[in-house]
Amino acid sequence: MISLEDKVAVVTGSAQGLGNGIAEKLASLNAHVILSDINSERLEIAVSELKEKEYSVDSFVANVANRDEAKNLIQNSIETQGKLDILVNNAGINRDAMIHKMSPEQWDSVIEVNLTGVFNCLQPAANHMKDRESGRIINISSASWQGNIGQGNYAAAKAGVVGLSKTTSRELAKFNVTCNAICPGFIETDMTRGIPDKVWDKMVSKIPMGRAGKPEDVANYIAFLASDQASYVTGEVINVGGGFIL
């Protein structure tokens, strides 16, 4: 049985969707979870819903693409809770377009949030964990990191997350800090529910298990990586997609 009793976790991009599912899972295992998102209104609702379930949670509004805001998120979490045990870098956006049609804004915004945003949170968290000689960093990449039509910006950012995760794992292993990357496949979230039925069916047809994943499918694996049971797992790139990557 996994327990995160007395652990403090930060989950970015957790006002809704996958991030919210991750935050709820960690909280259900008795971690104190700081939910963070750029959407303050939706974040307030998410935290209120988790508090109704008597989970130990707080919120912090931050745009991870802004280095100062990301740093303040991590520092505030450490100052208010006394430590930070777990960081889940989940915040992400997509601005899909074919390479020959992609605007500079579409490229820049995705790289800034999905890759630079991960670094902005990871660096101050890593410094704290290194000093404590304990910690878990889990970065959300994507099955798209290996390339996906119409997602050159997204794929590039998520591939960067894989490289950053592997480098972080090498640098921090001797300090008892692990870093792993999770690559979700096609997951049923608020964003994907808006996909036309024909596109949905086409995506599901590519999944050997015959269904879209749910946030809890990803959250369950993250809970393991965040726990003491995963103390010897680092530098891994783990696909959670029902065989989608095949």
Protein backbone atom coordinates (compact mmCIF):
# COMPACT_ATOMS: atom_id res chain seq x y z
CA MET A 1 0.00 0.00 0.00
CA ILE A 2 1.44 3.34 -1.08
CA SER A 3 1.39 6.09 1.51
CA LEU A 4 2.55 9.67 1.10
CA GLU A 5 1.96 10.57 4.73
CA ASP A 6 3.89 13.70 5.78
CA LYS A 7 4.95 14.40 2.16
CA VAL A 8 4.54 17.82 0.56
CA ALA A 9 3.84 17.96 -3.16
CA VAL A 10 3.46 20.66 -5.80
CA VAL A 11 1.50 19.86 -8.95
CA THR A 12 1.53 22.46 -11.72
CA GLY A 13 -1.33 22.87 -14.16
CA SER A 14 -3.66 21.20 -11.69
CA ALA A 15 -6.84 23.27 -11.88
CA GLN A 16 -8.40 20.70 -14.19
CA GLY A 17 -7.75 17.69 -16.40
CA LEU A 18 -4.76 15.43 -15.90
CA GLY A 19 -3.09 17.71 -13.36
CA ASN A 20 -6.19 17.78 -11.20
CA GLY A 21 -6.38 13.99 -11.29
CA ILE A 22 -2.74 13.77 -10.22
CA ALA A 23 -3.26 16.23 -7.37
CA GLU A 24 -6.30 14.34 -6.11
CA LYS A 25 -4.46 11.02 -6.19
CA LEU A 26 -1.51 12.33 -4.19
CA ALA A 27 -3.84 13.99 -1.69
CA SER A 28 -5.83 10.77 -1.32
CA LEU A 29 -2.59 9.10 -0.21
CA ASN A 30 -2.24 11.70 2.56
CA ALA A 31 0.24 14.07 0.96
CA HIS A 32 -0.25 17.79 1.45
CA VAL A 33 -0.68 19.05 -2.10
CA ILE A 34 -0.22 22.58 -3.42
CA LEU A 35 -2.23 22.91 -6.61
CA SER A 36 -0.96 25.54 -9.01
CA ASP A 37 -2.36 26.97 -12.22
CA ILE A 38 -2.58 30.19 -14.21
CA ASN A 39 -6.39 30.00 -14.13
CA SER A 40 -7.18 31.40 -10.68
CA GLU A 41 -10.95 30.95 -10.95
CA ARG A 42 -10.79 27.29 -11.94
CA LEU A 43 -8.02 26.69 -9.39
CA GLU A 44 -10.21 28.00 -6.58
CA ILE A 45 -12.99 25.60 -7.60
CA ALA A 46 -10.60 22.64 -7.81
CA VAL A 47 -9.15 23.27 -4.35
CA SER A 48 -12.61 23.76 -2.87
CA GLU A 49 -13.75 20.42 -4.30
CA LEU A 50 -10.76 18.60 -2.83
CA LYS A 51 -11.21 20.26 0.55
CA GLU A 52 -14.81 19.02 0.57
CA LYS A 53 -13.30 15.53 0.46
CA GLU A 54 -11.22 16.49 3.50
CA TYR A 55 -7.93 16.38 1.61
CA SER A 56 -5.02 18.54 2.74
CA VAL A 57 -4.53 21.00 -0.13
CA ASP A 58 -3.60 24.60 -0.85
CA SER A 59 -3.41 26.68 -4.00
CA PHE A 60 -0.92 29.04 -5.60
CA VAL A 61 -1.62 30.97 -8.79
CA ALA A 62 1.40 30.98 -11.10
CA ASN A 63 2.35 31.10 -14.75
CA VAL A 64 5.25 28.66 -14.92
CA ALA A 65 6.52 30.34 -18.09
CA ASN A 66 7.35 33.34 -15.90
CA ARG A 67 10.56 32.54 -14.03
CA ASP A 68 9.78 34.74 -11.04
CA GLU A 69 6.28 33.31 -10.61
CA ALA A 70 7.58 29.74 -10.86
CA LYS A 71 10.32 30.47 -8.33
CA ASN A 72 7.80 32.07 -5.97
CA LEU A 73 5.57 28.98 -6.24
CA ILE A 74 8.37 26.69 -5.10
CA GLN A 75 9.76 29.04 -2.45
CA ASN A 76 6.33 29.77 -0.98
CA SER A 77 5.55 26.06 -0.78
CA ILE A 78 8.81 25.41 1.06
CA GLU A 79 8.37 28.36 3.41
CA THR A 80 4.75 27.56 4.34
CA GLN A 81 5.19 23.78 4.64
CA GLY A 82 8.81 23.63 5.76
CA LYS A 83 9.91 21.43 2.86
CA LEU A 84 9.08 20.09 -0.60
CA ASP A 85 9.22 16.34 -1.21
CA ILE A 86 7.50 15.96 -4.59
CA LEU A 87 7.31 18.13 -7.69
CA VAL A 88 5.08 17.16 -10.60
CA ASN A 89 5.68 19.37 -13.62
CA ASN A 90 2.41 18.94 -15.48
CA ALA A 91 1.49 22.41 -16.78
CA GLY A 92 1.25 22.47 -20.55
CA ILE A 93 -0.54 23.95 -23.54
CA ASN A 94 -0.89 23.07 -27.20
CA ARG A 95 -0.99 25.40 -30.20
CA ASP A 96 -1.11 22.90 -33.05
CA ALA A 97 -0.18 23.77 -36.62
CA MET A 98 1.75 22.25 -39.48
CA ILE A 99 5.39 23.34 -39.53
CA HIS A 100 5.00 25.43 -42.68
CA LYS A 101 2.03 27.28 -41.16
CA MET A 102 3.21 27.63 -37.57
CA SER A 103 3.48 31.20 -36.33
CA PRO A 104 6.33 32.42 -34.09
CA GLU A 105 3.77 32.93 -31.32
CA GLN A 106 2.57 29.32 -31.59
CA TRP A 107 6.14 28.08 -31.37
CA ASP A 108 7.27 30.40 -28.57
CA SER A 109 4.25 29.97 -26.31
CA VAL A 110 4.41 26.18 -26.31
CA ILE A 111 8.17 26.07 -25.70
CA GLU A 112 7.89 28.67 -22.94
CA VAL A 113 5.21 26.78 -20.99
CA ASN A 114 5.93 23.13 -21.79
CA LEU A 115 9.74 23.19 -21.61
CA THR A 116 11.02 26.41 -20.03
CA GLY A 117 8.19 26.20 -17.49
CA VAL A 118 9.44 22.79 -16.40
CA PHE A 119 12.96 24.16 -15.89
CA ASN A 120 11.65 27.23 -14.07
CA CYS A 121 10.03 25.04 -11.40
CA LEU A 122 12.58 22.25 -11.46
CA GLN A 123 15.64 24.37 -10.71
CA PRO A 124 14.58 25.88 -7.36
CA ALA A 125 12.97 22.59 -6.32
CA ALA A 126 16.12 20.65 -7.21
CA ASN A 127 18.30 23.03 -5.17
CA HIS A 128 16.09 22.48 -2.13
CA MET A 129 15.91 18.71 -2.58
CA LYS A 130 19.66 18.48 -3.15
CA ASP A 131 20.32 20.24 0.16
CA ARG A 132 17.89 17.93 1.95
CA GLU A 133 19.25 14.88 0.09
CA SER A 134 15.74 13.72 -0.63
CA GLY A 135 13.10 14.33 -3.27
CA ARG A 136 11.03 13.18 -6.22
CA ILE A 137 10.74 15.11 -9.48
CA ILE A 138 8.24 13.82 -12.04
CA ASN A 139 7.96 15.58 -15.37
CA ILE A 140 5.02 15.06 -17.72
CA SER A 141 6.21 14.56 -21.27
CA SER A 142 4.02 12.93 -23.93
CA ALA A 143 3.93 10.08 -26.43
CA SER A 144 4.23 12.92 -28.96
CA TRP A 145 7.87 13.53 -27.99
CA GLN A 146 8.85 11.14 -30.77
CA GLY A 147 7.09 13.30 -33.34
CA ASN A 148 3.48 13.96 -34.30
CA ILE A 149 2.00 15.63 -37.36
CA GLY A 150 0.82 19.15 -36.63
CA GLN A 151 2.65 19.29 -33.31
CA GLY A 152 6.21 20.31 -34.13
CA ASN A 153 6.29 22.78 -31.24
CA TYR A 154 4.64 20.40 -28.77
CA ALA A 155 6.82 17.43 -29.80
CA ALA A 156 9.98 19.53 -29.55
CA ALA A 157 9.05 20.73 -26.07
CA LYS A 158 8.13 17.26 -24.83
CA ALA A 159 11.32 15.79 -26.29
CA GLY A 160 13.17 18.51 -24.41
CA VAL A 161 11.43 17.44 -21.21
CA VAL A 162 12.77 13.91 -21.72
CA GLY A 163 16.33 15.19 -22.16
CA LEU A 164 16.02 17.52 -19.19
CA SER A 165 14.66 14.71 -17.02
CA LYS A 166 17.48 12.34 -17.89
CA THR A 167 20.11 15.01 -17.26
CA THR A 168 18.51 15.96 -13.93
CA SER A 169 18.45 12.31 -12.87
CA ARG A 170 22.17 11.97 -13.57
CA GLU A 171 23.07 15.13 -11.70
CA LEU A 172 20.93 14.53 -8.62
CA ALA A 173 21.12 10.76 -8.14
CA LYS A 174 23.99 11.01 -5.64
CA PHE A 175 21.82 13.31 -3.53
CA ASN A 176 19.02 10.74 -3.29
CA VAL A 177 16.78 12.81 -5.58
CA THR A 178 15.05 10.97 -8.42
CA CYS A 179 13.74 12.42 -11.66
CA ASN A 180 11.56 10.57 -14.14
CA ALA A 181 9.46 11.44 -17.16
CA ILE A 182 5.94 10.16 -17.75
CA CYS A 183 4.64 10.00 -21.32
CA PRO A 184 0.85 9.79 -21.34
CA GLY A 185 -0.87 8.51 -24.45
CA PHE A 186 -4.39 9.51 -25.45
CA ILE A 187 -6.01 10.55 -22.15
CA GLU A 188 -9.65 11.54 -21.65
CA THR A 189 -9.59 15.09 -20.26
CA ASP A 190 -11.54 18.32 -20.67
CA MET A 191 -9.34 19.15 -23.65
CA THR A 192 -9.71 15.85 -25.52
CA ARG A 193 -13.45 15.57 -24.89
CA GLY A 194 -13.92 18.38 -27.41
CA ILE A 195 -12.42 16.31 -30.22
CA PRO A 196 -14.91 15.36 -33.01
CA ASP A 197 -16.22 11.79 -32.77
CA LYS A 198 -14.47 10.70 -35.97
CA VAL A 199 -11.10 11.89 -34.69
CA TRP A 200 -11.76 10.33 -31.27
CA ASP A 201 -12.58 6.96 -32.84
CA LYS A 202 -9.47 7.13 -35.02
CA MET A 203 -7.26 7.83 -32.00
CA VAL A 204 -8.80 5.03 -29.93
CA SER A 205 -8.41 2.61 -32.85
CA LYS A 206 -4.64 3.03 -32.54
CA ILE A 207 -4.62 1.95 -28.89
CA PRO A 208 -4.13 -1.81 -28.39
CA MET A 209 -6.17 -1.73 -25.18
CA GLY A 210 -9.10 -0.26 -27.12
CA ARG A 211 -9.89 2.76 -24.94
CA ALA A 212 -8.67 6.20 -24.07
CA GLY A 213 -6.84 6.49 -20.78
CA LYS A 214 -8.20 8.25 -17.74
CA PRO A 215 -6.30 10.74 -15.54
CA GLU A 216 -6.18 8.15 -12.77
CA ASP A 217 -4.29 5.74 -15.05
CA VAL A 218 -1.45 8.26 -15.16
CA ALA A 219 -1.89 9.42 -11.57
CA ASN A 220 -1.52 5.88 -10.22
CA TYR A 221 1.94 5.56 -11.73
CA ILE A 222 2.95 9.00 -10.53
CA ALA A 223 1.89 8.05 -7.01
CA PHE A 224 4.30 5.12 -7.16
CA LEU A 225 7.18 7.27 -8.44
CA ALA A 226 6.48 9.80 -5.69
CA SER A 227 6.62 7.17 -2.98
CA ASP A 228 9.49 5.63 -1.02
CA GLN A 229 8.87 2.40 -2.94
CA ALA A 230 10.36 4.00 -6.07
CA SER A 231 13.59 5.13 -4.41
CA TYR A 232 15.71 3.19 -6.92
CA VAL A 233 13.89 4.37 -10.05
CA THR A 234 15.39 7.38 -11.80
CA GLY A 235 16.11 8.58 -15.32
CA GLU A 236 13.25 6.54 -16.75
CA VAL A 237 10.88 7.52 -19.55
CA ILE A 238 7.65 5.70 -18.81
CA ASN A 239 4.82 5.34 -21.32
CA VAL A 240 1.31 5.23 -19.87
CA GLY A 241 -0.92 4.83 -22.88
CA GLY A 242 -2.46 1.39 -23.18
CA GLY A 243 0.17 0.39 -25.73
CA PHE A 244 -0.37 3.54 -27.83
CA ILE A 245 3.39 4.00 -28.30
CA LEU A 246 3.58 0.62 -30.10
